[in-house]
Protein backbone atom coordinates (compact mmCIF):
# COMPACT_ATOMS: atom_id res chain seq x y z
CA UNK A 1 48.63 13.82 16.35
CA UNK A 2 47.72 12.83 19.93
CA UNK A 3 44.75 15.21 19.80
CA UNK A 4 43.43 13.60 16.61
CA UNK A 5 43.87 10.15 18.13
CA UNK A 6 41.99 11.16 21.30
CA UNK A 7 39.28 12.77 19.19
CA UNK A 8 38.77 9.64 17.09
CA UNK A 9 38.74 7.42 20.19
CA UNK A 10 36.16 9.76 21.73
CA UNK A 11 33.94 9.61 18.65
CA UNK A 12 34.21 5.81 18.54
CA UNK A 13 33.35 5.58 22.25
CA UNK A 14 30.28 7.75 21.76
CA UNK A 15 29.15 5.63 18.79
CA UNK A 16 29.55 2.43 20.80
CA UNK A 17 27.55 3.94 23.67
CA UNK A 18 24.79 5.11 21.32
CA UNK A 19 24.56 1.70 19.67
CA UNK A 20 24.48 0.03 23.07
CA UNK A 21 21.74 2.31 24.35
CA UNK A 22 19.64 1.72 21.23
CA UNK A 23 19.79 -2.05 21.69
CA UNK A 24 19.25 -1.91 25.47
CA UNK A 25 16.14 0.25 24.93
CA UNK A 26 14.89 -2.06 22.16
CA UNK A 27 15.43 0.60 19.51
CA UNK A 28 18.10 -1.21 17.49
CA UNK A 29 15.89 -0.97 14.40
CA UNK A 30 16.91 2.70 14.16
CA UNK A 31 20.40 1.69 13.01
CA UNK A 32 18.90 -0.24 10.12
CA UNK A 33 16.70 2.74 9.33
CA UNK A 34 19.63 5.14 9.31
CA UNK A 35 21.54 2.92 6.91
CA UNK A 36 18.63 2.38 4.50
CA UNK A 37 17.43 5.99 4.45
CA UNK A 38 19.86 8.69 5.59
CA UNK A 39 23.00 6.94 4.37
CA UNK A 40 21.38 6.58 0.95
CA UNK A 41 20.38 10.25 0.75
CA UNK A 42 16.75 10.03 1.89
CA UNK A 43 14.68 11.19 4.87
CA UNK A 44 11.97 8.53 4.65
CA UNK A 45 11.15 5.35 2.75
CA UNK A 46 11.55 5.69 -1.03
CA UNK A 47 10.65 4.04 -4.32
CA UNK A 48 13.70 1.81 -4.69
CA UNK A 49 14.32 0.88 -1.07
CA UNK A 50 13.06 -2.67 -1.61
CA UNK A 51 16.58 -3.39 -2.89
CA UNK A 52 17.89 -3.01 0.68
CA UNK A 53 15.48 -5.52 2.24
CA UNK A 54 14.76 -9.21 1.94
CA UNK A 55 11.70 -9.89 -0.23
CA UNK A 56 9.22 -12.61 -1.03
CA UNK A 57 8.28 -13.04 -4.68
CA UNK A 58 4.73 -12.53 -5.94
CA UNK A 59 5.16 -14.79 -8.96
CA UNK A 60 3.96 -13.52 -12.33
CA UNK A 61 1.46 -15.35 -14.48
CA UNK A 62 2.71 -18.25 -16.63
CA UNK A 63 0.22 -16.91 -19.17
CA UNK A 64 0.64 -13.12 -19.16
CA UNK A 65 -2.23 -10.96 -20.34
CA UNK A 66 -0.79 -7.72 -21.73
CA UNK A 67 -3.06 -4.67 -21.61
CA UNK A 68 -4.73 -3.72 -24.85
CA UNK A 69 -3.30 -0.57 -26.42
CA UNK A 70 -5.83 2.00 -27.66
CA UNK A 71 -5.79 2.86 -31.35
CA UNK A 72 -5.17 6.49 -30.45
CA UNK A 73 -2.51 5.65 -27.82
CA UNK A 74 -0.56 8.72 -26.68
CA UNK A 75 -2.31 10.84 -29.31
CA UNK A 76 -3.01 13.65 -26.84
CA UNK A 77 -0.19 15.38 -25.01
CA UNK A 78 -0.31 15.93 -21.28
CA UNK A 79 -1.70 19.31 -20.27
CA UNK A 80 0.74 22.02 -19.18
CA UNK A 81 -0.56 21.79 -15.63
CA UNK A 82 -0.09 18.03 -15.49
CA UNK A 83 3.39 18.26 -16.97
CA UNK A 84 4.28 20.94 -14.43
CA UNK A 85 3.05 18.81 -11.51
CA UNK A 86 4.95 15.76 -12.76
CA UNK A 87 8.16 17.77 -12.83
CA UNK A 88 7.53 19.54 -9.52
CA UNK A 89 6.86 16.43 -7.43
CA UNK A 90 8.79 13.79 -9.32
CA UNK A 91 6.32 11.54 -11.08
CA UNK A 92 7.92 8.43 -12.56
CA UNK A 93 4.85 6.88 -14.21
CA UNK A 94 1.45 8.14 -15.36
CA UNK A 95 -1.12 5.93 -17.11
CA UNK A 96 -4.64 6.55 -18.35
CA UNK A 97 -6.54 3.33 -19.06
CA UNK A 98 -9.83 3.93 -20.84
CA UNK A 99 -12.23 1.09 -21.70
CA UNK A 100 -9.59 -1.40 -20.53
CA UNK A 101 -7.03 -0.14 -23.07
CA UNK A 102 -3.97 1.96 -22.30
CA UNK A 103 -4.76 5.31 -23.85
CA UNK A 104 -1.92 7.38 -22.40
CA UNK A 105 1.38 6.29 -20.88
CA UNK A 106 4.34 8.37 -19.72
CA UNK A 107 7.47 7.51 -17.75
CA UNK A 108 10.14 9.77 -16.29
CA UNK A 109 13.50 9.84 -14.53
CA UNK A 110 14.79 6.69 -16.21
CA UNK A 111 11.86 4.48 -15.20
CA UNK A 112 9.83 2.42 -17.69
CA UNK A 113 6.89 0.06 -18.00
CA UNK A 114 8.76 -2.83 -16.36
CA UNK A 115 10.38 -0.82 -13.55
CA UNK A 116 9.73 -1.98 -10.00
CA UNK A 117 8.91 0.67 -7.41
CA UNK A 118 7.51 0.59 -3.89
CA UNK A 119 3.73 0.86 -3.67
CA UNK A 120 3.71 1.74 0.04
CA UNK A 121 0.13 1.71 1.36
CA UNK A 122 -1.43 0.72 -1.97
CA UNK A 123 -0.62 -2.73 -0.60
CA UNK A 124 -3.41 -2.28 1.96
CA UNK A 125 -6.01 -2.61 -0.81
CA UNK A 126 -4.36 -5.85 -1.94
CA UNK A 127 -4.34 -7.27 1.59
CA UNK A 128 -8.05 -6.51 1.87
CA UNK A 129 -8.63 -8.30 -1.46
CA UNK A 130 -6.82 -11.30 0.07
CA UNK A 131 -9.18 -11.09 3.05
CA UNK A 132 -12.14 -11.17 0.67
CA UNK A 133 -10.71 -14.22 -1.09
CA UNK A 134 -10.16 -16.03 2.21
CA UNK A 135 -13.80 -15.34 3.13
CA UNK A 136 -14.98 -16.43 -0.34
CA UNK A 137 -13.05 -19.71 0.06
CA UNK A 138 -14.39 -20.35 3.57
CA UNK A 139 -11.00 -19.94 5.24
CA UNK A 140 -12.34 -16.99 7.25
CA UNK A 141 -16.01 -16.97 8.23
CA UNK A 142 -16.80 -13.30 7.68
CA UNK A 143 -15.73 -9.72 8.34
CA UNK A 144 -17.05 -10.27 11.88
CA UNK A 145 -14.52 -13.01 12.66
CA UNK A 146 -12.68 -12.18 15.86
CA UNK A 147 -8.94 -11.58 15.73
CA UNK A 148 -8.67 -13.64 18.92
CA UNK A 149 -9.63 -16.67 16.78
CA UNK A 150 -6.05 -16.56 15.50
CA UNK A 151 -4.24 -14.64 18.25
CA UNK A 152 -5.59 -15.34 21.76
CA UNK A 153 -3.60 -12.42 23.17
CA UNK A 154 -6.28 -10.20 21.61
CA UNK A 155 -8.99 -11.89 23.66
CA UNK A 156 -9.44 -9.58 26.63
CA UNK A 157 -10.65 -6.03 27.25
CA UNK A 158 -11.42 -3.93 24.18
CA UNK A 159 -9.37 -6.38 22.08
CA UNK A 160 -11.95 -9.12 22.67
CA UNK A 161 -14.32 -7.28 20.28
CA UNK A 162 -11.72 -6.74 17.56
CA UNK A 163 -12.66 -8.28 14.18
CA UNK A 164 -10.86 -8.69 10.87
CA UNK A 165 -13.37 -6.21 9.41
CA UNK A 166 -12.29 -3.63 11.98
CA UNK A 167 -8.69 -4.10 10.87
CA UNK A 168 -9.56 -3.64 7.18
CA UNK A 169 -11.77 -0.58 7.75
CA UNK A 170 -9.24 1.22 9.95
CA UNK A 171 -11.35 1.08 13.08
CA UNK A 172 -9.28 -1.30 15.18
CA UNK A 173 -8.72 0.90 18.23
CA UNK A 174 -5.03 -0.04 18.24
CA UNK A 175 -2.55 2.19 20.01
CA UNK A 176 -0.70 3.35 16.91
CA UNK A 177 1.02 6.51 15.69
CA UNK A 178 1.04 6.86 11.90
CA UNK A 179 4.19 8.94 11.50
CA UNK A 180 6.65 8.45 8.64
CA UNK A 181 9.45 10.84 9.54
CA UNK A 182 9.89 10.16 13.26
CA UNK A 183 12.52 7.49 14.03
CA UNK A 184 10.65 6.56 17.22
CA UNK A 185 7.15 6.04 15.78
CA UNK A 186 5.49 2.64 15.65
CA UNK A 187 5.29 2.95 11.87
CA UNK A 188 9.05 3.41 11.61
CA UNK A 189 9.69 0.52 13.97
CA UNK A 190 7.44 -1.73 11.87
CA UNK A 191 9.32 -0.72 8.73
CA UNK A 192 12.78 -1.62 10.03
CA UNK A 193 12.12 -4.18 12.78
CA UNK A 194 13.39 -7.71 12.19
CA UNK A 195 10.65 -9.45 14.23
CA UNK A 196 7.45 -7.86 13.02
CA UNK A 197 5.02 -10.50 14.41
CA UNK A 198 6.34 -10.06 17.95
CA UNK A 199 6.00 -6.29 17.70
CA UNK A 200 2.45 -6.43 16.31
CA UNK A 201 1.30 -8.95 18.91
CA UNK A 202 2.52 -6.56 21.62
CA UNK A 203 0.14 -3.80 20.52
CA UNK A 204 -2.74 -2.80 22.78
CA UNK A 205 -6.33 -2.03 21.80
CA UNK A 206 -7.01 1.21 23.65
CA UNK A 207 -10.53 2.09 22.53
CA UNK A 208 -13.56 0.14 21.38
CA UNK A 209 -13.06 -1.37 17.91
CA UNK A 210 -15.56 -0.77 15.14
CA UNK A 211 -16.69 2.61 16.40
CA UNK A 212 -14.75 5.14 14.33
CA UNK A 213 -12.10 5.54 11.63
CA UNK A 214 -8.45 5.94 12.62
CA UNK A 215 -5.83 5.15 9.98
CA UNK A 216 -3.36 2.57 11.24
CA UNK A 217 -0.75 0.58 9.34
CA UNK A 218 -0.55 -1.79 12.29
CA UNK A 219 -4.15 -2.79 11.61
CA UNK A 220 -3.26 -4.05 8.13
CA UNK A 221 -0.21 -5.91 9.40
CA UNK A 222 -2.31 -7.72 12.01
CA UNK A 223 -4.93 -8.46 9.34
CA UNK A 224 -2.27 -10.07 7.15
CA UNK A 225 -1.13 -12.21 10.06
CA UNK A 226 -4.73 -13.40 10.54
CA UNK A 227 -5.02 -14.27 6.83
CA UNK A 228 -1.81 -16.28 6.94
CA UNK A 229 -3.02 -18.16 10.03
CA UNK A 230 -6.39 -18.89 8.40
CA UNK A 231 -5.02 -20.00 5.03
CA UNK A 232 -1.80 -21.67 6.16
CA UNK A 233 0.01 -19.88 3.33
CA UNK A 234 2.41 -16.96 3.21
CA UNK A 235 0.65 -13.89 1.89
CA UNK A 236 2.90 -13.32 -1.13
CA UNK A 237 2.16 -16.81 -2.39
CA UNK A 238 -1.55 -16.41 -1.62
CA UNK A 239 -1.78 -13.15 -3.56
CA UNK A 240 0.16 -14.61 -6.46
CA UNK A 241 -2.00 -17.72 -6.71
CA UNK A 242 -5.34 -15.96 -6.31
CA UNK A 243 -4.77 -12.61 -8.03
CA UNK A 244 -1.41 -11.92 -9.66
CA UNK A 245 -1.45 -15.03 -11.84
CA UNK A 246 -5.20 -15.21 -12.66
CA UNK A 247 -5.07 -11.53 -13.67
CA UNK A 248 -2.18 -12.19 -16.03
CA UNK A 249 0.51 -10.08 -14.35
CA UNK A 250 3.47 -9.70 -16.71
CA UNK A 251 6.18 -9.29 -14.08
CA UNK A 252 7.11 -10.79 -10.73
CA UNK A 253 6.60 -8.40 -7.84
CA UNK A 254 8.67 -8.14 -4.66
CA UNK A 255 7.14 -7.88 -1.20
CA UNK A 256 9.49 -6.70 1.54
CA UNK A 257 9.88 -8.91 4.60
CA UNK A 258 11.10 -8.22 8.10
CA UNK A 259 13.97 -10.69 7.57
CA UNK A 260 14.96 -13.48 5.18
CA UNK A 261 11.98 -15.83 4.68
CA UNK A 262 10.11 -13.74 7.23
CA UNK A 263 6.66 -12.17 7.20
CA UNK A 264 5.81 -9.56 4.56
CA UNK A 265 5.39 -5.95 5.55
CA UNK A 266 1.76 -6.19 4.54
CA UNK A 267 0.74 -2.60 5.23
CA UNK A 268 3.13 -1.48 2.50
CA UNK A 269 6.03 -2.43 0.33
CA UNK A 270 4.96 -4.33 -2.77
CA UNK A 271 7.40 -3.35 -5.51
CA UNK A 272 5.86 -3.70 -8.95
CA UNK A 273 5.11 -1.67 -12.08
CA UNK A 274 2.29 0.66 -13.06
CA UNK A 275 0.66 -1.75 -15.51
CA UNK A 276 0.45 -4.62 -13.05
CA UNK A 277 -0.74 -2.44 -10.17
CA UNK A 278 -3.57 -1.27 -12.45
CA UNK A 279 -4.97 -4.80 -12.62
CA UNK A 280 -6.44 -4.45 -9.14
CA UNK A 281 -8.28 -1.33 -10.28
CA UNK A 282 -9.71 -3.29 -13.19
CA UNK A 283 -10.70 -6.21 -10.95
CA UNK A 284 -12.66 -3.94 -8.61
CA UNK A 285 -14.14 -2.00 -11.53
CA UNK A 286 -15.43 -5.33 -12.85
CA UNK A 287 -17.00 -6.24 -9.48
CA UNK A 288 -14.46 -9.00 -8.82
CA UNK A 289 -14.63 -10.67 -12.24
CA UNK A 290 -11.69 -11.39 -14.50
CA UNK A 291 -12.17 -12.86 -17.97
CA UNK A 292 -15.70 -13.81 -16.96
CA UNK A 293 -14.61 -15.68 -13.82
CA UNK A 294 -15.61 -14.43 -10.37
CA UNK A 295 -12.26 -14.45 -8.55
CA UNK A 296 -13.47 -12.10 -5.81
CA UNK A 297 -17.02 -11.92 -4.47
CA UNK A 298 -18.93 -8.97 -5.95
CA UNK A 299 -20.71 -8.27 -2.65
CA UNK A 300 -17.33 -7.99 -0.96
CA UNK A 301 -16.11 -5.56 -3.64
CA UNK A 302 -19.22 -3.46 -3.03
CA UNK A 303 -18.55 -3.48 0.71
CA UNK A 304 -14.94 -2.39 0.16
CA UNK A 305 -16.01 0.58 -1.95
CA UNK A 306 -18.76 1.77 0.40
CA UNK A 307 -18.00 3.91 3.49
CA UNK A 308 -18.31 1.95 6.72
CA UNK A 309 -18.93 5.08 8.77
CA UNK A 310 -21.20 7.90 7.63
CA UNK A 311 -18.96 10.42 9.34
CA UNK A 312 -15.90 9.04 7.48
CA UNK A 313 -16.99 8.82 3.83
CA UNK A 314 -13.36 8.85 2.63
CA UNK A 315 -12.71 5.19 3.44
CA UNK A 316 -14.37 1.81 3.05
CA UNK A 317 -12.53 -1.46 3.57
CA UNK A 318 -8.95 -1.11 2.28
CA UNK A 319 -9.92 1.46 -0.36
CA UNK A 320 -10.12 5.26 -0.38
CA UNK A 321 -13.39 6.78 -1.59
CA UNK A 322 -14.44 10.10 -3.08
CA UNK A 323 -17.19 11.63 -5.21
CA UNK A 324 -15.87 13.56 -8.21
CA UNK A 325 -18.19 15.37 -10.62
CA UNK A 326 -21.05 13.43 -9.01
CA UNK A 327 -19.31 10.17 -9.90
CA UNK A 328 -18.11 7.46 -7.54
CA UNK A 329 -14.33 7.18 -7.33
CA UNK A 330 -12.40 4.57 -5.38
CA UNK A 331 -8.66 4.31 -5.25
CA UNK A 332 -5.53 2.71 -3.88
CA UNK A 333 -3.17 5.17 -2.24
CA UNK A 334 0.40 5.01 -1.00
CA UNK A 335 2.96 7.23 0.72
CA UNK A 336 4.67 9.75 -1.58
CA UNK A 337 1.81 9.81 -4.08
CA UNK A 338 1.26 6.30 -5.43
CA UNK A 339 -2.26 5.89 -6.87
CA UNK A 340 -4.54 3.54 -8.76
CA UNK A 341 -7.68 5.66 -9.27
CA UNK A 342 -10.89 4.10 -10.60
CA UNK A 343 -13.95 5.90 -12.01
CA UNK A 344 -16.30 3.00 -12.85
CA UNK A 345 -18.97 5.15 -14.52
CA UNK A 346 -16.47 6.24 -17.18
CA UNK A 347 -14.61 2.93 -17.42
CA UNK A 348 -11.48 4.80 -16.39
CA UNK A 349 -8.33 3.88 -14.45
CA UNK A 350 -5.54 6.35 -13.69
CA UNK A 351 -2.18 5.22 -12.30
CA UNK A 352 0.41 7.61 -10.92
CA UNK A 353 3.71 6.60 -9.27
CA UNK A 354 6.35 9.01 -8.06
CA UNK A 355 8.96 10.28 -5.64
CA UNK A 356 6.65 12.62 -3.72
CA UNK A 357 3.04 13.70 -3.41
CA UNK A 358 0.09 13.21 -1.06
CA UNK A 359 0.05 16.77 0.26
CA UNK A 360 -3.29 17.42 1.95
CA UNK A 361 -4.82 20.74 2.89
CA UNK A 362 -5.60 20.95 6.63
CA UNK A 363 -8.67 18.91 7.50
CA UNK A 364 -8.81 17.24 4.07
CA UNK A 365 -8.43 13.50 3.51
CA UNK A 366 -7.77 13.59 -0.23
CA UNK A 367 -4.55 15.16 -1.43
CA UNK A 368 -4.16 18.03 -3.86
CA UNK A 369 -2.31 16.02 -6.52
CA UNK A 370 -5.11 13.40 -6.55
CA UNK A 371 -7.51 16.03 -7.90
CA UNK A 372 -4.92 17.26 -10.41
CA UNK A 373 -4.67 13.79 -11.96
CA UNK A 374 -8.44 13.58 -12.29
CA UNK A 375 -8.93 17.14 -13.59
CA UNK A 376 -6.19 16.93 -16.19
CA UNK A 377 -7.10 13.42 -17.33
CA UNK A 378 -10.62 14.58 -18.17
CA UNK A 379 -9.21 17.59 -20.03
CA UNK A 380 -7.01 15.28 -22.07
CA UNK A 381 -9.88 12.90 -22.78
CA UNK A 382 -12.01 15.82 -24.00
CA UNK A 383 -9.43 16.39 -26.78
CA UNK A 384 -9.83 12.90 -28.22
CA UNK A 385 -10.70 12.95 -31.91
């Protein structure tokens, strides 16, 4: 009995020491991360983790605009290969929208058309759209506006050259490590930290901005902070007023914050449904128009979907880019295989949400499952009567 008592006291002492060390070394966020992930059976962020964070609401439209449903809706079954991939990597939603009508729609694992799931980095495309709107409205002068306009601490050294366009195009030069499974990475800290602005403002620009592509979630977070400064409005409200509601979103969305009423985690973490996420694909496919109204400048849309750097053709401003069957493709992409894929030439939008995905071959920017969704969608469309 004494042994058990000493053992338990020893374990408790060790836990207290560990907790103390984490806070002394400014790594207290790890405790929050352990609770949200490991203690809920996960090794990284996951689709439903928004339930464990505070959120701001992206309010739905008071006048919802449901998607049209194609006359031959769900008339063609998924291919065997597509079905196999869905099962293997845990898809929870798969939509094919052809000519602005839902032609195919499948849900899995208990999820449905109104289910909310984390978008992860698909949010980056939405933040860039907000940047375009702020420029269109004259709140931000241009993509060349200096970050130091809003945050003077970025006014010296390499940081003095840093622009909002550099942040959107992933060429900020920030000292950032984009790692999702390391508890000590900057990305993990940003995910679980309770004072995100302070952390982001502490970042250093370690090489010349605007010179080459280097993916960085910190860049999008800093961009969001600039937009909020310029507009005087929290980003969730800004996105709702300028996009979510004008585009007729049918459901509220939830955007994770660092703490109650805090700043949104802008580089990720909008929880919504497949149908409402698809609206951004339609907006960009229509060159920024919605119901005949230009809600986003068409020149800005073109800039977003054009590579900034010749040597990095996979990325523009906030959007991933690829050429498939000699056709332009641009898409939103998030951790664990969240996609809104747009093929403008064929008036086609593909949405996939799921528990895992985004597995790239070495040296490749586009993941294997991305090509599966394209290949099998075209096979299915070829069977239309």
